[in-house]
């Protein structure tokens, strides 16, 4: 695959769901699945970058794959709820830029 836009990702996931996945899970189920997937990312992060160690059975985990799982389910939820992720991301970044530009630049903890 080449570089994908968020719009293309949303279209790709929708096509996959309709051809391979049969149908979307309910929004509530997908929210629970999203939390499960975020938990798997958190587990890897806590063991790889935190103080916990991996169990033998967890040593082969793939952080990128788990992050992709999070993205996939998030895209499913966006598709189900009519959220245009491109527009949402642009709006959110503008909000953060306006709110945080000086705050972060003046934060001595970030120097």
PDB file of N, CA and C in Angstrom:
ATOM      1  N   UNK A   1       0.841  -1.192   0.000  1.00  0.00           N
ATOM      2  CA  UNK A   1       0.000   0.000   0.000  1.00  0.00           C
ATOM      3  C   UNK A   1       0.879   1.246   0.000  1.00  0.00           C
ATOM      4  N   UNK A   2       0.366   2.273  -0.595  1.00  0.00           N
ATOM      5  CA  UNK A   2       1.064   3.553  -0.582  1.00  0.00           C
ATOM      6  C   UNK A   2       0.565   4.364   0.602  1.00  0.00           C
ATOM      7  N   UNK A   3       1.095   5.574   0.743  1.00  0.00           N
ATOM      8  CA  UNK A   3       0.607   6.442   1.813  1.00  0.00           C
ATOM      9  C   UNK A   3      -0.881   6.686   1.624  1.00  0.00           C
ATOM     10  N   UNK A   4      -1.625   6.530   2.693  1.00  0.00           N
ATOM     11  CA  UNK A   4      -3.074   6.688   2.646  1.00  0.00           C
ATOM     12  C   UNK A   4      -3.498   7.942   3.387  1.00  0.00           C
ATOM     13  N   UNK A   5      -4.502   8.606   2.874  1.00  0.00           N
ATOM     14  CA  UNK A   5      -5.115   9.706   3.607  1.00  0.00           C
ATOM     15  C   UNK A   5      -6.089   9.114   4.617  1.00  0.00           C
ATOM     16  N   UNK A   6      -6.526   9.929   5.558  1.00  0.00           N
ATOM     17  CA  UNK A   6      -7.541   9.451   6.498  1.00  0.00           C
ATOM     18  C   UNK A   6      -8.811   9.062   5.759  1.00  0.00           C
ATOM     19  N   UNK A   7      -9.182   9.837   4.752  1.00  0.00           N
ATOM     20  CA  UNK A   7     -10.375   9.517   3.959  1.00  0.00           C
ATOM     21  C   UNK A   7     -10.231   8.152   3.292  1.00  0.00           C
ATOM     22  N   UNK A   8      -9.061   7.895   2.724  1.00  0.00           N
ATOM     23  CA  UNK A   8      -8.830   6.599   2.091  1.00  0.00           C
ATOM     24  C   UNK A   8      -8.856   5.474   3.124  1.00  0.00           C
ATOM     25  N   UNK A   9      -8.323   5.729   4.303  1.00  0.00           N
ATOM     26  CA  UNK A   9      -8.382   4.725   5.372  1.00  0.00           C
ATOM     27  C   UNK A   9      -9.829   4.426   5.729  1.00  0.00           C
ATOM     28  N   UNK A  10     -10.644   5.457   5.848  1.00  0.00           N
ATOM     29  CA  UNK A  10     -12.058   5.238   6.182  1.00  0.00           C
ATOM     30  C   UNK A  10     -12.750   4.434   5.081  1.00  0.00           C
ATOM     31  N   UNK A  11     -12.449   4.735   3.830  1.00  0.00           N
ATOM     32  CA  UNK A  11     -13.050   3.996   2.717  1.00  0.00           C
ATOM     33  C   UNK A  11     -12.557   2.552   2.688  1.00  0.00           C
ATOM     34  N   UNK A  12     -11.264   2.349   2.941  1.00  0.00           N
ATOM     35  CA  UNK A  12     -10.676   1.004   2.933  1.00  0.00           C
ATOM     36  C   UNK A  12     -11.283   0.131   4.024  1.00  0.00           C
ATOM     37  N   UNK A  13     -11.416   0.689   5.225  1.00  0.00           N
ATOM     38  CA  UNK A  13     -12.016  -0.063   6.327  1.00  0.00           C
ATOM     39  C   UNK A  13     -13.470  -0.395   6.010  1.00  0.00           C
ATOM     40  N   UNK A  14     -14.211   0.569   5.483  1.00  0.00           N
ATOM     41  CA  UNK A  14     -15.614   0.319   5.149  1.00  0.00           C
ATOM     42  C   UNK A  14     -15.730  -0.790   4.110  1.00  0.00           C
ATOM     43  N   UNK A  15     -14.874  -0.755   3.101  1.00  0.00           N
ATOM     44  CA  UNK A  15     -14.891  -1.796   2.078  1.00  0.00           C
ATOM     45  C   UNK A  15     -14.553  -3.159   2.688  1.00  0.00           C
ATOM     46  N   UNK A  16     -13.561  -3.200   3.578  1.00  0.00           N
ATOM     47  CA  UNK A  16     -13.186  -4.455   4.221  1.00  0.00           C
ATOM     48  C   UNK A  16     -14.342  -5.009   5.053  1.00  0.00           C
ATOM     49  N   UNK A  17     -14.967  -4.134   5.802  1.00  0.00           N
ATOM     50  CA  UNK A  17     -16.104  -4.565   6.639  1.00  0.00           C
ATOM     51  C   UNK A  17     -17.208  -5.140   5.761  1.00  0.00           C
ATOM     52  N   UNK A  18     -17.520  -4.477   4.666  1.00  0.00           N
ATOM     53  CA  UNK A  18     -18.636  -4.896   3.823  1.00  0.00           C
ATOM     54  C   UNK A  18     -18.335  -6.146   3.004  1.00  0.00           C
ATOM     55  N   UNK A  19     -17.069  -6.426   2.750  1.00  0.00           N
ATOM     56  CA  UNK A  19     -16.739  -7.592   1.924  1.00  0.00           C
ATOM     57  C   UNK A  19     -16.203  -8.776   2.721  1.00  0.00           C
ATOM     58  N   UNK A  20     -15.513  -8.509   3.812  1.00  0.00           N
ATOM     59  CA  UNK A  20     -14.892  -9.586   4.590  1.00  0.00           C
ATOM     60  C   UNK A  20     -15.483  -9.680   5.990  1.00  0.00           C
ATOM     61  N   UNK A  21     -15.721  -8.546   6.597  1.00  0.00           N
ATOM     62  CA  UNK A  21     -16.206  -8.521   7.971  1.00  0.00           C
ATOM     63  C   UNK A  21     -17.695  -8.737   8.128  1.00  0.00           C
ATOM     64  N   UNK A  22     -18.418  -8.849   7.041  1.00  0.00           N
ATOM     65  CA  UNK A  22     -19.864  -9.072   6.976  1.00  0.00           C
ATOM     66  C   UNK A  22     -20.648  -7.809   7.345  1.00  0.00           C
ATOM     67  N   UNK A  23     -20.413  -7.269   8.540  1.00  0.00           N
ATOM     68  CA  UNK A  23     -21.066  -6.018   8.954  1.00  0.00           C
ATOM     69  C   UNK A  23     -20.269  -5.438  10.117  1.00  0.00           C
ATOM     70  N   UNK A  24     -20.546  -4.174  10.406  1.00  0.00           N
ATOM     71  CA  UNK A  24     -19.926  -3.560  11.578  1.00  0.00           C
ATOM     72  C   UNK A  24     -20.521  -4.172  12.845  1.00  0.00           C
ATOM     73  N   UNK A  25     -19.681  -4.331  13.874  1.00  0.00           N
ATOM     74  CA  UNK A  25     -20.218  -4.607  15.198  1.00  0.00           C
ATOM     75  C   UNK A  25     -21.000  -3.371  15.632  1.00  0.00           C
ATOM     76  N   UNK A  26     -21.819  -3.500  16.640  1.00  0.00           N
ATOM     77  CA  UNK A  26     -22.536  -2.330  17.144  1.00  0.00           C
ATOM     78  C   UNK A  26     -21.524  -1.306  17.659  1.00  0.00           C
ATOM     79  N   UNK A  27     -21.965  -0.072  17.728  1.00  0.00           N
ATOM     80  CA  UNK A  27     -21.089   0.995  18.219  1.00  0.00           C
ATOM     81  C   UNK A  27     -20.612   0.705  19.643  1.00  0.00           C
ATOM     82  N   UNK A  28     -21.487   0.180  20.468  1.00  0.00           N
ATOM     83  CA  UNK A  28     -21.103  -0.130  21.850  1.00  0.00           C
ATOM     84  C   UNK A  28     -20.069  -1.254  21.888  1.00  0.00           C
ATOM     85  N   UNK A  29     -20.272  -2.287  21.075  1.00  0.00           N
ATOM     86  CA  UNK A  29     -19.289  -3.373  21.007  1.00  0.00           C
ATOM     87  C   UNK A  29     -17.955  -2.846  20.506  1.00  0.00           C
ATOM     88  N   UNK A  30     -17.975  -2.020  19.461  1.00  0.00           N
ATOM     89  CA  UNK A  30     -16.719  -1.478  18.943  1.00  0.00           C
ATOM     90  C   UNK A  30     -16.037  -0.562  19.955  1.00  0.00           C
ATOM     91  N   UNK A  31     -16.800   0.125  20.776  1.00  0.00           N
ATOM     92  CA  UNK A  31     -16.192   0.931  21.835  1.00  0.00           C
ATOM     93  C   UNK A  31     -15.462   0.032  22.828  1.00  0.00           C
ATOM     94  N   UNK A  32     -16.084  -1.075  23.187  1.00  0.00           N
ATOM     95  CA  UNK A  32     -15.434  -2.030  24.093  1.00  0.00           C
ATOM     96  C   UNK A  32     -14.191  -2.636  23.439  1.00  0.00           C
ATOM     97  N   UNK A  33     -14.284  -2.973  22.158  1.00  0.00           N
ATOM     98  CA  UNK A  33     -13.130  -3.526  21.439  1.00  0.00           C
ATOM     99  C   UNK A  33     -12.000  -2.492  21.392  1.00  0.00           C
ATOM    100  N   UNK A  34     -12.356  -1.226  21.178  1.00  0.00           N
ATOM    101  CA  UNK A  34     -11.349  -0.165  21.169  1.00  0.00           C
ATOM    102  C   UNK A  34     -10.618  -0.098  22.504  1.00  0.00           C
ATOM    103  N   UNK A  35     -11.367  -0.186  23.593  1.00  0.00           N
ATOM    104  CA  UNK A  35     -10.741  -0.156  24.913  1.00  0.00           C
ATOM    105  C   UNK A  35      -9.811  -1.359  25.109  1.00  0.00           C
ATOM    106  N   UNK A  36     -10.227  -2.525  24.625  1.00  0.00           N
ATOM    107  CA  UNK A  36      -9.365  -3.711  24.702  1.00  0.00           C
ATOM    108  C   UNK A  36      -8.065  -3.483  23.948  1.00  0.00           C
ATOM    109  N   UNK A  37      -8.177  -2.936  22.745  1.00  0.00           N
ATOM    110  CA  UNK A  37      -6.988  -2.720  21.915  1.00  0.00           C
ATOM    111  C   UNK A  37      -6.077  -1.664  22.527  1.00  0.00           C
ATOM    112  N   UNK A  38      -6.639  -0.597  23.077  1.00  0.00           N
ATOM    113  CA  UNK A  38      -5.828   0.424  23.747  1.00  0.00           C
ATOM    114  C   UNK A  38      -5.121  -0.203  24.948  1.00  0.00           C
ATOM    115  N   UNK A  39      -5.801  -1.095  25.640  1.00  0.00           N
ATOM    116  CA  UNK A  39      -5.189  -1.795  26.762  1.00  0.00           C
ATOM    117  C   UNK A  39      -3.997  -2.632  26.332  1.00  0.00           C
ATOM    118  N   UNK A  40      -4.085  -3.245  25.156  1.00  0.00           N
ATOM    119  CA  UNK A  40      -2.962  -4.030  24.656  1.00  0.00           C
ATOM    120  C   UNK A  40      -1.767  -3.128  24.337  1.00  0.00           C
ATOM    121  N   UNK A  41      -2.028  -1.945  23.786  1.00  0.00           N
ATOM    122  CA  UNK A  41      -0.948  -0.983  23.543  1.00  0.00           C
ATOM    123  C   UNK A  41      -0.344  -0.560  24.883  1.00  0.00           C
ATOM    124  N   UNK A  42      -1.188  -0.284  25.861  1.00  0.00           N
ATOM    125  CA  UNK A  42      -0.706   0.137  27.180  1.00  0.00           C
ATOM    126  C   UNK A  42       0.161  -0.944  27.818  1.00  0.00           C
ATOM    127  N   UNK A  43      -0.231  -2.193  27.664  1.00  0.00           N
ATOM    128  CA  UNK A  43       0.550  -3.293  28.227  1.00  0.00           C
ATOM    129  C   UNK A  43       1.947  -3.320  27.614  1.00  0.00           C
ATOM    130  N   UNK A  44       2.025  -3.209  26.310  1.00  0.00           N
ATOM    131  CA  UNK A  44       3.335  -3.208  25.648  1.00  0.00           C
ATOM    132  C   UNK A  44       4.161  -2.014  26.097  1.00  0.00           C
ATOM    133  N   UNK A  45       3.552  -0.853  26.152  1.00  0.00           N
ATOM    134  CA  UNK A  45       4.282   0.354  26.551  1.00  0.00           C
ATOM    135  C   UNK A  45       4.806   0.228  27.979  1.00  0.00           C
ATOM    136  N   UNK A  46       3.980  -0.319  28.883  1.00  0.00           N
ATOM    137  CA  UNK A  46       4.407  -0.432  30.279  1.00  0.00           C
ATOM    138  C   UNK A  46       5.551  -1.421  30.445  1.00  0.00           C
ATOM    139  N   UNK A  47       5.579  -2.417  29.585  1.00  0.00           N
ATOM    140  CA  UNK A  47       6.640  -3.405  29.689  1.00  0.00           C
ATOM    141  C   UNK A  47       7.891  -2.992  28.917  1.00  0.00           C
ATOM    142  N   UNK A  48       7.710  -2.371  27.779  1.00  0.00           N
ATOM    143  CA  UNK A  48       8.867  -1.983  26.968  1.00  0.00           C
ATOM    144  C   UNK A  48       9.540  -0.717  27.496  1.00  0.00           C
ATOM    145  N   UNK A  49       8.738   0.251  27.945  1.00  0.00           N
ATOM    146  CA  UNK A  49       9.289   1.547  28.349  1.00  0.00           C
ATOM    147  C   UNK A  49       9.117   1.844  29.832  1.00  0.00           C
ATOM    148  N   UNK A  50       8.330   1.036  30.509  1.00  0.00           N
ATOM    149  CA  UNK A  50       8.098   1.237  31.930  1.00  0.00           C
ATOM    150  C   UNK A  50       8.895   0.261  32.774  1.00  0.00           C
ATOM    151  N   UNK A  51       8.419   0.046  33.965  1.00  0.00           N
ATOM    152  CA  UNK A  51       9.156  -0.752  34.941  1.00  0.00           C
ATOM    153  C   UNK A  51       8.801  -2.232  34.934  1.00  0.00           C
ATOM    154  N   UNK A  52       7.724  -2.599  34.253  1.00  0.00           N
ATOM    155  CA  UNK A  52       7.341  -4.012  34.239  1.00  0.00           C
ATOM    156  C   UNK A  52       8.150  -4.775  33.197  1.00  0.00           C
ATOM    157  N   UNK A  53       8.260  -6.069  33.403  1.00  0.00           N
ATOM    158  CA  UNK A  53       8.945  -6.919  32.432  1.00  0.00           C
ATOM    159  C   UNK A  53       7.907  -7.764  31.689  1.00  0.00           C
ATOM    160  N   UNK A  54       8.298  -8.224  30.509  1.00  0.00           N
ATOM    161  CA  UNK A  54       7.422  -9.078  29.716  1.00  0.00           C
ATOM    162  C   UNK A  54       7.360 -10.465  30.319  1.00  0.00           C
ATOM    163  N   UNK A  55       6.186 -11.079  30.242  1.00  0.00           N
ATOM    164  CA  UNK A  55       6.060 -12.503  30.523  1.00  0.00           C
ATOM    165  C   UNK A  55       6.593 -13.220  29.284  1.00  0.00           C
ATOM    166  N   UNK A  56       7.029 -14.452  29.447  1.00  0.00           N
ATOM    167  CA  UNK A  56       7.525 -15.228  28.307  1.00  0.00           C
ATOM    168  C   UNK A  56       6.516 -15.232  27.158  1.00  0.00           C
ATOM    169  N   UNK A  57       5.235 -15.368  27.495  1.00  0.00           N
ATOM    170  CA  UNK A  57       4.186 -15.471  26.473  1.00  0.00           C
ATOM    171  C   UNK A  57       3.931 -14.151  25.753  1.00  0.00           C
ATOM    172  N   UNK A  58       4.421 -13.035  26.284  1.00  0.00           N
ATOM    173  CA  UNK A  58       4.157 -11.721  25.694  1.00  0.00           C
ATOM    174  C   UNK A  58       5.365 -11.114  24.987  1.00  0.00           C
ATOM    175  N   UNK A  59       6.467 -11.838  24.931  1.00  0.00           N
ATOM    176  CA  UNK A  59       7.697 -11.258  24.393  1.00  0.00           C
ATOM    177  C   UNK A  59       7.633 -10.959  22.906  1.00  0.00           C
ATOM    178  N   UNK A  60       6.804 -11.654  22.160  1.00  0.00           N
ATOM    179  CA  UNK A  60       6.755 -11.486  20.706  1.00  0.00           C
ATOM    180  C   UNK A  60       5.715 -10.462  20.250  1.00  0.00           C
ATOM    181  N   UNK A  61       5.171  -9.680  21.173  1.00  0.00           N
ATOM    182  CA  UNK A  61       4.135  -8.729  20.794  1.00  0.00           C
ATOM    183  C   UNK A  61       4.694  -7.677  19.844  1.00  0.00           C
ATOM    184  N   UNK A  62       3.815  -7.135  19.011  1.00  0.00           N
ATOM    185  CA  UNK A  62       4.200  -6.178  17.982  1.00  0.00           C
ATOM    186  C   UNK A  62       3.459  -4.869  18.237  1.00  0.00           C
ATOM    187  N   UNK A  63       4.175  -3.863  18.721  1.00  0.00           N
ATOM    188  CA  UNK A  63       3.558  -2.578  19.050  1.00  0.00           C
ATOM    189  C   UNK A  63       2.868  -1.953  17.845  1.00  0.00           C
ATOM    190  N   UNK A  64       3.512  -1.980  16.700  1.00  0.00           N
ATOM    191  CA  UNK A  64       2.923  -1.385  15.491  1.00  0.00           C
ATOM    192  C   UNK A  64       1.605  -2.064  15.135  1.00  0.00           C
ATOM    193  N   UNK A  65       1.567  -3.381  15.232  1.00  0.00           N
ATOM    194  CA  UNK A  65       0.340  -4.121  14.928  1.00  0.00           C
ATOM    195  C   UNK A  65      -0.768  -3.760  15.903  1.00  0.00           C
ATOM    196  N   UNK A  66      -0.427  -3.632  17.176  1.00  0.00           N
ATOM    197  CA  UNK A  66      -1.439  -3.269  18.170  1.00  0.00           C
ATOM    198  C   UNK A  66      -1.944  -1.838  17.943  1.00  0.00           C
ATOM    199  N   UNK A  67      -1.050  -0.936  17.572  1.00  0.00           N
ATOM    200  CA  UNK A  67      -1.475   0.432  17.249  1.00  0.00           C
ATOM    201  C   UNK A  67      -2.383   0.437  16.021  1.00  0.00           C
ATOM    202  N   UNK A  68      -2.071  -0.408  15.047  1.00  0.00           N
ATOM    203  CA  UNK A  68      -2.926  -0.518  13.863  1.00  0.00           C
ATOM    204  C   UNK A  68      -4.307  -1.059  14.231  1.00  0.00           C
ATOM    205  N   UNK A  69      -4.364  -1.978  15.190  1.00  0.00           N
ATOM    206  CA  UNK A  69      -5.662  -2.469  15.674  1.00  0.00           C
ATOM    207  C   UNK A  69      -6.484  -1.324  16.261  1.00  0.00           C
ATOM    208  N   UNK A  70      -5.831  -0.471  17.052  1.00  0.00           N
ATOM    209  CA  UNK A  70      -6.522   0.688  17.632  1.00  0.00           C
ATOM    210  C   UNK A  70      -7.059   1.577  16.516  1.00  0.00           C
ATOM    211  N   UNK A  71      -6.217   1.864  15.540  1.00  0.00           N
ATOM    212  CA  UNK A  71      -6.628   2.725  14.432  1.00  0.00           C
ATOM    213  C   UNK A  71      -7.794   2.125  13.658  1.00  0.00           C
ATOM    214  N   UNK A  72      -7.736   0.828  13.393  1.00  0.00           N
ATOM    215  CA  UNK A  72      -8.799   0.159  12.644  1.00  0.00           C
ATOM    216  C   UNK A  72     -10.147   0.308  13.356  1.00  0.00           C
ATOM    217  N   UNK A  73     -10.164   0.024  14.643  1.00  0.00           N
ATOM    218  CA  UNK A  73     -11.433   0.089  15.382  1.00  0.00           C
ATOM    219  C   UNK A  73     -11.904   1.538  15.508  1.00  0.00           C
ATOM    220  N   UNK A  74     -10.984   2.474  15.700  1.00  0.00           N
ATOM    221  CA  UNK A  74     -11.357   3.880  15.747  1.00  0.00           C
ATOM    222  C   UNK A  74     -11.978   4.316  14.421  1.00  0.00           C
ATOM    223  N   UNK A  75     -11.408   3.858  13.319  1.00  0.00           N
ATOM    224  CA  UNK A  75     -11.970   4.170  12.003  1.00  0.00           C
ATOM    225  C   UNK A  75     -13.353   3.546  11.853  1.00  0.00           C
ATOM    226  N   UNK A  76     -13.524   2.329  12.349  1.00  0.00           N
ATOM    227  CA  UNK A  76     -14.865   1.710  12.319  1.00  0.00           C
ATOM    228  C   UNK A  76     -15.872   2.598  13.036  1.00  0.00           C
ATOM    229  N   UNK A  77     -15.510   3.061  14.221  1.00  0.00           N
ATOM    230  CA  UNK A  77     -16.423   3.918  14.986  1.00  0.00           C
ATOM    231  C   UNK A  77     -16.699   5.231  14.261  1.00  0.00           C
ATOM    232  N   UNK A  78     -15.684   5.792  13.644  1.00  0.00           N
ATOM    233  CA  UNK A  78     -15.890   7.029  12.878  1.00  0.00           C
ATOM    234  C   UNK A  78     -16.859   6.776  11.731  1.00  0.00           C
ATOM    235  N   UNK A  79     -16.662   5.693  11.011  1.00  0.00           N
ATOM    236  CA  UNK A  79     -17.566   5.363   9.907  1.00  0.00           C
ATOM    237  C   UNK A  79     -18.995   5.162  10.399  1.00  0.00           C
ATOM    238  N   UNK A  80     -19.138   4.467  11.502  1.00  0.00           N
ATOM    239  CA  UNK A  80     -20.464   4.167  12.030  1.00  0.00           C
ATOM    240  C   UNK A  80     -21.199   5.409  12.515  1.00  0.00           C
ATOM    241  N   UNK A  81     -20.460   6.374  13.002  1.00  0.00           N
ATOM    242  CA  UNK A  81     -21.090   7.559  13.605  1.00  0.00           C
ATOM    243  C   UNK A  81     -21.052   8.775  12.696  1.00  0.00           C
ATOM    244  N   UNK A  82     -20.584   8.601  11.456  1.00  0.00           N
ATOM    245  CA  UNK A  82     -20.591   9.690  10.488  1.00  0.00           C
ATOM    246  C   UNK A  82     -19.518  10.746  10.716  1.00  0.00           C
ATOM    247  N   UNK A  83     -18.432  10.371  11.371  1.00  0.00           N
ATOM    248  CA  UNK A  83     -17.350  11.314  11.628  1.00  0.00           C
ATOM    249  C   UNK A  83     -16.361  11.286  10.462  1.00  0.00           C
ATOM    250  N   UNK A  84     -16.102  12.442   9.889  1.00  0.00           N
ATOM    251  CA  UNK A  84     -15.064  12.607   8.871  1.00  0.00           C
ATOM    252  C   UNK A  84     -13.770  12.854   9.634  1.00  0.00           C
ATOM    253  N   UNK A  85     -12.902  11.857   9.678  1.00  0.00           N
ATOM    254  CA  UNK A  85     -11.690  11.966  10.485  1.00  0.00           C
ATOM    255  C   UNK A  85     -10.741  13.048   9.979  1.00  0.00           C
ATOM    256  N   UNK A  86     -10.732  13.308   8.688  1.00  0.00           N
ATOM    257  CA  UNK A  86      -9.887  14.378   8.159  1.00  0.00           C
ATOM    258  C   UNK A  86     -10.334  15.714   8.720  1.00  0.00           C
ATOM    259  N   UNK A  87     -11.608  16.000   8.615  1.00  0.00           N
ATOM    260  CA  UNK A  87     -12.148  17.266   9.133  1.00  0.00           C
ATOM    261  C   UNK A  87     -11.981  17.346  10.647  1.00  0.00           C
ATOM    262  N   UNK A  88     -12.230  16.244  11.334  1.00  0.00           N
ATOM    263  CA  UNK A  88     -12.110  16.230  12.794  1.00  0.00           C
ATOM    264  C   UNK A  88     -10.664  16.475  13.221  1.00  0.00           C
ATOM    265  N   UNK A  89      -9.720  15.852  12.524  1.00  0.00           N
ATOM    266  CA  UNK A  89      -8.308  16.022  12.870  1.00  0.00           C
ATOM    267  C   UNK A  89      -7.860  17.461  12.621  1.00  0.00           C
ATOM    268  N   UNK A  90      -8.251  18.015  11.476  1.00  0.00           N
ATOM    269  CA  UNK A  90      -7.874  19.395  11.163  1.00  0.00           C
ATOM    270  C   UNK A  90      -8.443  20.365  12.198  1.00  0.00           C
ATOM    271  N   UNK A  91      -9.694  20.173  12.571  1.00  0.00           N
ATOM    272  CA  UNK A  91     -10.330  21.037  13.574  1.00  0.00           C
ATOM    273  C   UNK A  91      -9.648  20.890  14.926  1.00  0.00           C
ATOM    274  N   UNK A  92      -9.315  19.653  15.302  1.00  0.00           N
ATOM    275  CA  UNK A  92      -8.676  19.396  16.586  1.00  0.00           C
ATOM    276  C   UNK A  92      -7.275  19.990  16.639  1.00  0.00           C
ATOM    277  N   UNK A  93      -6.528  19.886  15.543  1.00  0.00           N
ATOM    278  CA  UNK A  93      -5.184  20.444  15.505  1.00  0.00           C
ATOM    279  C   UNK A  93      -5.227  21.969  15.590  1.00  0.00           C
ATOM    280  N   UNK A  94      -6.206  22.583  14.926  1.00  0.00           N
ATOM    281  CA  UNK A  94      -6.364  24.040  15.018  1.00  0.00           C
ATOM    282  C   UNK A  94      -6.679  24.454  16.453  1.00  0.00           C
ATOM    283  N   UNK A  95      -7.530  23.691  17.115  1.00  0.00           N
ATOM    284  CA  UNK A  95      -7.861  23.963  18.516  1.00  0.00           C
ATOM    285  C   UNK A  95      -6.614  23.880  19.391  1.00  0.00           C
ATOM    286  N   UNK A  96      -5.855  22.816  19.230  1.00  0.00           N
ATOM    287  CA  UNK A  96      -4.638  22.634  20.024  1.00  0.00           C
ATOM    288  C   UNK A  96      -3.616  23.734  19.743  1.00  0.00           C
ATOM    289  N   UNK A  97      -3.482  24.115  18.485  1.00  0.00           N
ATOM    290  CA  UNK A  97      -2.524  25.147  18.104  1.00  0.00           C
ATOM    291  C   UNK A  97      -2.880  26.474  18.761  1.00  0.00           C
ATOM    292  N   UNK A  98      -4.135  26.849  18.686  1.00  0.00           N
ATOM    293  CA  UNK A  98      -4.572  28.104  19.295  1.00  0.00           C
ATOM    294  C   UNK A  98      -4.457  28.102  20.803  1.00  0.00           C
ATOM    295  N   UNK A  99      -4.752  26.999  21.407  1.00  0.00           N
ATOM    296  CA  UNK A  99      -4.787  26.890  22.857  1.00  0.00           C
ATOM    297  C   UNK A  99      -3.401  26.699  23.470  1.00  0.00           C
ATOM    298  N   UNK A 100      -2.533  25.965  22.795  1.00  0.00           N
ATOM    299  CA  UNK A 100      -1.324  25.477  23.442  1.00  0.00           C
ATOM    300  C   UNK A 100      -0.009  26.060  22.938  1.00  0.00           C
ATOM    301  N   UNK A 101      -0.042  26.846  21.875  1.00  0.00           N
ATOM    302  CA  UNK A 101       1.213  27.316  21.291  1.00  0.00           C
ATOM    303  C   UNK A 101       2.097  28.010  22.326  1.00  0.00           C
ATOM    304  N   UNK A 102       1.593  29.020  22.965  1.00  0.00           N
ATOM    305  CA  UNK A 102       2.400  29.749  23.943  1.00  0.00           C
ATOM    306  C   UNK A 102       2.572  28.966  25.241  1.00  0.00           C
ATOM    307  N   UNK A 103       1.550  28.233  25.620  1.00  0.00           N
ATOM    308  CA  UNK A 103       1.619  27.466  26.854  1.00  0.00           C
ATOM    309  C   UNK A 103       2.780  26.475  26.818  1.00  0.00           C
ATOM    310  N   UNK A 104       2.925  25.743  25.730  1.00  0.00           N
ATOM    311  CA  UNK A 104       4.006  24.765  25.633  1.00  0.00           C
ATOM    312  C   UNK A 104       5.349  25.451  25.455  1.00  0.00           C
ATOM    313  N   UNK A 105       5.388  26.517  24.676  1.00  0.00           N
ATOM    314  CA  UNK A 105       6.652  27.244  24.452  1.00  0.00           C
ATOM    315  C   UNK A 105       7.166  27.855  25.766  1.00  0.00           C
ATOM    316  N   UNK A 106       6.257  28.214  26.648  1.00  0.00           N
ATOM    317  CA  UNK A 106       6.649  28.848  27.919  1.00  0.00           C
ATOM    318  C   UNK A 106       6.714  27.869  29.087  1.00  0.00           C
ATOM    319  N   UNK A 107       6.579  26.609  28.824  1.00  0.00           N
ATOM    320  CA  UNK A 107       6.594  25.596  29.888  1.00  0.00           C
ATOM    321  C   UNK A 107       8.044  25.213  30.189  1.00  0.00           C
ATOM    322  N   UNK A 108       8.556  25.581  31.354  1.00  0.00           N
ATOM    323  CA  UNK A 108       9.955  25.243  31.675  1.00  0.00           C
ATOM    324  C   UNK A 108      10.202  23.736  31.759  1.00  0.00           C
ATOM    325  N   UNK A 109       9.158  22.951  31.986  1.00  0.00           N
ATOM    326  CA  UNK A 109       9.313  21.507  32.054  1.00  0.00           C
ATOM    327  C   UNK A 109       9.648  20.901  30.680  1.00  0.00           C
ATOM    328  N   UNK A 110       9.346  21.639  29.614  1.00  0.00           N
ATOM    329  CA  UNK A 110       9.588  21.128  28.265  1.00  0.00           C
ATOM    330  C   UNK A 110      10.899  21.634  27.673  1.00  0.00           C
ATOM    331  N   UNK A 111      11.635  22.387  28.423  1.00  0.00           N
ATOM    332  CA  UNK A 111      12.902  22.937  27.925  1.00  0.00           C
ATOM    333  C   UNK A 111      13.995  21.923  28.042  1.00  0.00           C
TER     334      UNK A 111
END
